[in-house]
N, C-alpha and C. Protein backbone atom coordinates (compact mmCIF):
# COMPACT_ATOMS: atom_id res chain seq x y z
N MET A 1 18.35 4.63 -1.76
CA MET A 1 19.33 5.65 -2.80
C MET A 1 20.16 4.71 -3.84
N ILE A 2 20.30 5.52 -5.02
CA ILE A 2 20.91 4.97 -5.87
C ILE A 2 22.45 5.25 -6.00
N PRO A 3 23.37 4.23 -5.51
CA PRO A 3 24.70 4.61 -5.34
C PRO A 3 25.32 5.70 -6.49
N THR A 4 26.38 6.53 -6.25
CA THR A 4 27.31 7.08 -7.04
C THR A 4 27.59 6.50 -8.36
N PRO A 5 28.34 5.25 -7.89
CA PRO A 5 28.91 4.49 -9.36
C PRO A 5 27.72 4.03 -10.33
N LEU A 6 26.20 3.91 -9.94
CA LEU A 6 25.36 3.53 -10.79
C LEU A 6 25.01 4.65 -11.57
N TRP A 7 24.97 6.13 -10.98
CA TRP A 7 24.59 7.53 -11.45
C TRP A 7 26.05 7.56 -12.48
N ILE A 8 27.00 7.25 -12.15
CA ILE A 8 28.16 7.68 -13.22
C ILE A 8 27.91 6.47 -14.50
N VAL A 9 27.37 5.29 -14.25
CA VAL A 9 27.31 4.43 -15.51
C VAL A 9 26.17 4.78 -16.19
N LEU A 10 24.84 5.43 -15.38
CA LEU A 10 23.74 5.81 -16.32
C LEU A 10 24.12 7.24 -17.17
N ILE A 11 24.91 8.05 -16.74
CA ILE A 11 25.53 9.00 -17.50
C ILE A 11 26.50 8.73 -18.51
N PHE A 12 27.14 8.02 -18.35
CA PHE A 12 28.04 7.61 -19.39
C PHE A 12 27.23 6.65 -20.38
N ILE A 13 26.29 6.01 -20.11
CA ILE A 13 25.43 5.02 -21.05
C ILE A 13 24.74 6.36 -22.07
N ALA A 14 24.30 7.21 -21.24
CA ALA A 14 23.46 8.61 -22.05
C ALA A 14 24.57 9.18 -22.99
N ILE A 15 25.80 9.58 -22.64
CA ILE A 15 26.67 9.92 -23.41
C ILE A 15 26.89 9.10 -24.59
N VAL A 16 27.08 7.94 -24.26
CA VAL A 16 27.61 6.90 -25.55
C VAL A 16 26.30 6.85 -26.45
N ILE A 17 25.00 7.12 -26.12
CA ILE A 17 23.84 6.77 -27.03
C ILE A 17 24.07 8.04 -27.77
N PHE A 18 24.13 9.04 -27.22
CA PHE A 18 24.16 10.45 -27.67
C PHE A 18 25.32 10.40 -28.90
N ALA A 19 26.58 9.89 -28.40
CA ALA A 19 27.51 9.85 -29.38
C ALA A 19 27.28 8.65 -30.85
N PHE A 20 26.45 7.76 -30.27
CA PHE A 20 26.44 6.76 -31.28
C PHE A 20 25.34 7.55 -32.24
N MET A 21 24.36 8.34 -31.70
CA MET A 21 23.59 8.99 -32.72
C MET A 21 24.35 9.76 -33.95
N LEU A 22 25.39 10.54 -33.56
CA LEU A 22 26.29 11.16 -34.21
C LEU A 22 26.99 10.45 -35.60
N PHE A 23 26.89 9.13 -35.26
CA PHE A 23 27.26 8.39 -36.52
C PHE A 23 25.99 7.83 -37.57
N PHE A 24 25.01 8.54 -37.14
CA PHE A 24 24.03 8.16 -38.17
C PHE A 24 23.67 10.00 -38.77
N ALA A 25 24.51 10.56 -38.77
CA ALA A 25 24.45 11.81 -39.40
C ALA A 25 24.72 11.59 -40.75
N ASP A 26 23.83 11.76 -41.56
CA ASP A 26 23.40 11.67 -43.21
C ASP A 26 23.75 12.87 -44.09
N SER A 27 24.47 13.45 -44.66
CA SER A 27 24.47 14.80 -45.47
C SER A 27 23.49 14.36 -46.27
N ASN A 28 22.66 13.93 -46.68
CA ASN A 28 21.54 13.89 -47.71
C ASN A 28 20.39 14.36 -46.92
N GLU A 29 20.34 14.25 -45.62
CA GLU A 29 19.10 14.50 -44.65
C GLU A 29 19.37 15.98 -44.15
N GLY A 30 18.03 16.76 -44.19
CA GLY A 30 18.40 18.11 -43.97
C GLY A 30 18.56 18.14 -42.38
N ARG A 31 18.93 19.39 -42.05
CA ARG A 31 19.25 19.81 -40.63
C ARG A 31 18.12 19.52 -39.71
N ALA A 32 16.91 19.76 -40.08
CA ALA A 32 15.82 19.67 -39.38
C ALA A 32 15.38 18.10 -39.01
N THR A 33 15.76 17.40 -40.01
CA THR A 33 15.49 15.78 -39.64
C THR A 33 16.50 15.56 -38.59
N GLN A 34 17.95 15.58 -38.93
CA GLN A 34 18.97 15.28 -37.91
C GLN A 34 18.68 16.00 -36.73
N GLY A 35 18.13 17.24 -36.56
CA GLY A 35 17.94 17.88 -35.30
C GLY A 35 16.79 17.21 -34.65
N LEU A 36 16.03 16.83 -35.21
CA LEU A 36 14.73 15.87 -34.57
C LEU A 36 15.03 14.64 -34.14
N LEU A 37 16.08 13.84 -34.99
CA LEU A 37 16.50 12.83 -34.45
C LEU A 37 17.02 13.14 -33.12
N MET A 38 18.23 13.78 -33.15
CA MET A 38 18.88 13.86 -31.94
C MET A 38 18.28 14.60 -30.87
N GLY A 39 17.23 15.47 -31.09
CA GLY A 39 16.60 15.92 -30.24
C GLY A 39 15.58 15.25 -29.38
N SER A 40 14.99 14.14 -30.32
CA SER A 40 13.94 12.98 -29.54
C SER A 40 15.04 12.06 -28.79
N VAL A 41 15.90 11.54 -29.11
CA VAL A 41 16.74 10.64 -28.41
C VAL A 41 17.25 11.50 -26.91
N SER A 42 17.76 12.59 -27.16
CA SER A 42 18.30 13.33 -26.22
C SER A 42 17.30 13.50 -25.21
N SER A 43 16.14 14.04 -25.59
CA SER A 43 15.19 14.37 -24.69
C SER A 43 14.45 12.77 -23.95
N VAL A 44 14.23 11.81 -24.19
CA VAL A 44 14.12 10.63 -24.00
C VAL A 44 14.97 10.50 -22.89
N ILE A 45 16.32 10.54 -23.02
CA ILE A 45 17.34 10.20 -22.04
C ILE A 45 17.44 11.05 -20.78
N VAL A 46 17.03 12.42 -21.37
CA VAL A 46 17.17 13.31 -20.07
C VAL A 46 15.77 13.21 -19.08
N ALA A 47 14.62 12.52 -20.09
CA ALA A 47 13.58 12.30 -19.19
C ALA A 47 13.77 11.24 -18.19
N MET A 48 14.31 10.11 -18.94
CA MET A 48 14.72 9.01 -18.10
C MET A 48 15.55 9.22 -16.69
N LEU A 49 16.50 10.19 -17.22
CA LEU A 49 17.45 10.34 -15.90
C LEU A 49 16.60 11.05 -15.04
N LEU A 50 15.75 12.29 -15.23
CA LEU A 50 15.15 12.61 -14.38
C LEU A 50 14.47 12.11 -13.63
N LEU A 51 13.61 10.98 -14.35
CA LEU A 51 12.57 9.93 -13.62
C LEU A 51 13.44 9.38 -12.37
N ILE A 52 14.63 8.88 -13.02
CA ILE A 52 15.41 8.19 -12.08
C ILE A 52 15.71 9.08 -10.78
N HIS A 53 16.05 10.21 -11.07
CA HIS A 53 16.33 11.18 -10.03
C HIS A 53 15.48 11.14 -8.91
N PHE A 54 13.84 11.49 -9.76
CA PHE A 54 12.84 11.80 -8.98
C PHE A 54 12.30 10.45 -7.88
N LEU A 55 12.52 9.50 -8.36
CA LEU A 55 12.02 8.18 -7.84
C LEU A 55 13.07 7.82 -6.92
N ASP A 56 14.27 8.26 -7.00
CA ASP A 56 15.33 8.14 -5.99
C ASP A 56 15.31 9.25 -4.85
N ASN A 57 14.55 10.17 -4.84
CA ASN A 57 14.40 11.20 -3.78
C ASN A 57 13.28 11.65 -3.84
N PRO A 58 12.23 10.57 -3.49
CA PRO A 58 10.58 11.18 -3.45
C PRO A 58 10.31 12.06 -2.39
N PHE A 59 11.21 12.38 -1.43
CA PHE A 59 10.77 13.41 -0.42
C PHE A 59 11.35 14.71 -0.10
N HIS A 60 11.64 14.98 -1.60
CA HIS A 60 12.36 16.35 -1.65
C HIS A 60 11.44 17.32 -1.60
N ASP A 61 12.02 18.58 -1.15
CA ASP A 61 11.18 19.76 -1.35
C ASP A 61 10.87 20.01 -2.50
N GLY A 62 9.51 20.30 -2.93
CA GLY A 62 9.24 20.64 -4.14
C GLY A 62 7.77 20.42 -4.60
N GLY A 63 7.06 20.93 -5.66
CA GLY A 63 5.99 20.76 -6.02
C GLY A 63 5.58 19.33 -5.98
N ALA A 64 6.20 18.29 -6.48
CA ALA A 64 5.82 16.82 -6.99
C ALA A 64 6.45 15.91 -6.01
N ALA A 65 6.59 16.48 -4.64
CA ALA A 65 7.20 15.84 -3.63
C ALA A 65 6.32 14.73 -2.58
N PHE A 66 6.52 13.72 -2.17
CA PHE A 66 5.70 13.04 -1.23
C PHE A 66 6.01 13.54 -0.03
N GLY A 67 5.16 13.15 0.80
CA GLY A 67 5.23 13.56 2.09
C GLY A 67 4.05 12.81 3.06
N PRO A 68 4.11 12.83 4.26
CA PRO A 68 3.05 12.00 5.35
C PRO A 68 1.64 12.65 4.86
N LEU A 69 0.69 11.72 5.17
CA LEU A 69 -0.72 12.01 4.59
C LEU A 69 -1.16 12.87 5.82
N PRO A 70 -1.86 13.84 5.71
CA PRO A 70 -2.67 14.72 6.38
C PRO A 70 -3.44 13.70 7.60
N GLY A 71 -3.24 13.74 9.07
CA GLY A 71 -3.80 13.05 10.01
C GLY A 71 -3.40 11.83 10.09
N ALA A 72 -2.30 11.56 9.53
CA ALA A 72 -1.69 10.31 9.48
C ALA A 72 -1.27 9.81 10.97
N GLY A 73 -0.85 10.60 11.73
CA GLY A 73 -0.77 10.23 13.32
C GLY A 73 -1.95 10.57 14.31
N ALA A 74 -3.01 10.72 13.59
CA ALA A 74 -4.28 11.00 14.30
C ALA A 74 -4.78 9.74 15.05
N GLN A 75 -4.39 8.55 14.85
CA GLN A 75 -4.78 7.49 15.17
C GLN A 75 -4.37 7.48 17.07
N HIS A 76 -3.29 8.15 17.43
CA HIS A 76 -2.87 8.05 18.40
C HIS A 76 -3.36 9.17 19.24
N ARG A 77 -4.24 9.95 18.66
CA ARG A 77 -4.85 11.10 19.41
C ARG A 77 -6.48 10.80 19.82
N ARG A 78 -6.93 9.65 19.00
CA ARG A 78 -8.02 9.43 19.18
C ARG A 78 -8.35 8.61 20.97
N PRO A 79 -9.55 8.82 21.38
CA PRO A 79 -9.62 8.35 22.60
C PRO A 79 -10.02 6.84 22.59
N GLY A 80 -9.19 5.88 23.08
CA GLY A 80 -9.54 4.34 23.29
C GLY A 80 -8.63 3.86 22.04
N ALA A 81 -7.64 4.94 21.23
CA ALA A 81 -7.46 3.93 20.08
C ALA A 81 -6.18 2.86 20.51
N ARG A 82 -5.36 3.27 21.28
CA ARG A 82 -4.25 2.42 22.21
C ARG A 82 -5.07 1.06 22.56
N ARG A 83 -6.24 1.44 23.43
CA ARG A 83 -6.92 0.04 24.02
C ARG A 83 -7.45 -0.73 23.01
N ARG A 84 -8.07 -0.13 21.81
CA ARG A 84 -8.42 -0.97 20.70
C ARG A 84 -7.31 -1.89 19.99
N ARG A 85 -6.18 -1.05 19.89
CA ARG A 85 -4.96 -1.94 19.34
C ARG A 85 -4.43 -2.87 19.84
N ARG A 86 -4.49 -2.73 21.33
CA ARG A 86 -4.07 -3.95 22.21
C ARG A 86 -4.90 -4.93 21.98
N GLU A 87 -6.31 -4.69 22.03
CA GLU A 87 -7.13 -5.78 22.19
C GLU A 87 -7.18 -6.70 20.86
N ARG A 88 -7.00 -6.15 19.67
CA ARG A 88 -7.04 -6.45 18.34
C ARG A 88 -5.42 -7.42 18.46
N ALA A 89 -4.42 -6.87 19.05
CA ALA A 89 -3.22 -7.59 19.18
C ALA A 89 -3.29 -8.82 19.99
N SER A 90 -4.04 -8.87 21.01
CA SER A 90 -4.20 -9.90 21.94
C SER A 90 -5.48 -10.89 21.24
N ALA A 91 -6.06 -10.54 20.55
CA ALA A 91 -6.80 -11.51 19.94
C ALA A 91 -6.38 -12.38 19.06
N VAL A 92 -5.42 -11.96 18.49
CA VAL A 92 -4.41 -12.64 17.18
C VAL A 92 -3.61 -13.86 17.87
């Protein structure tokens, strides 16, 4: 889990980068060009923060969540599985 102070630093850095982009505002450029610049930088920052959040919480409830594989505990239900495991452990 990513600690709260690190999240604060990541969000602070995102705000600083966004504010830094405001210094590149040029009156000779059109609004569409400046909007594209700000939008692209903002979307990359938001995508990275969302990716960090997803990787920090991989077992959340949702469509892209990880979970146990189907049948992961099936080895304990097979006849003789424990015996074979003990035999392999004693052979080592």
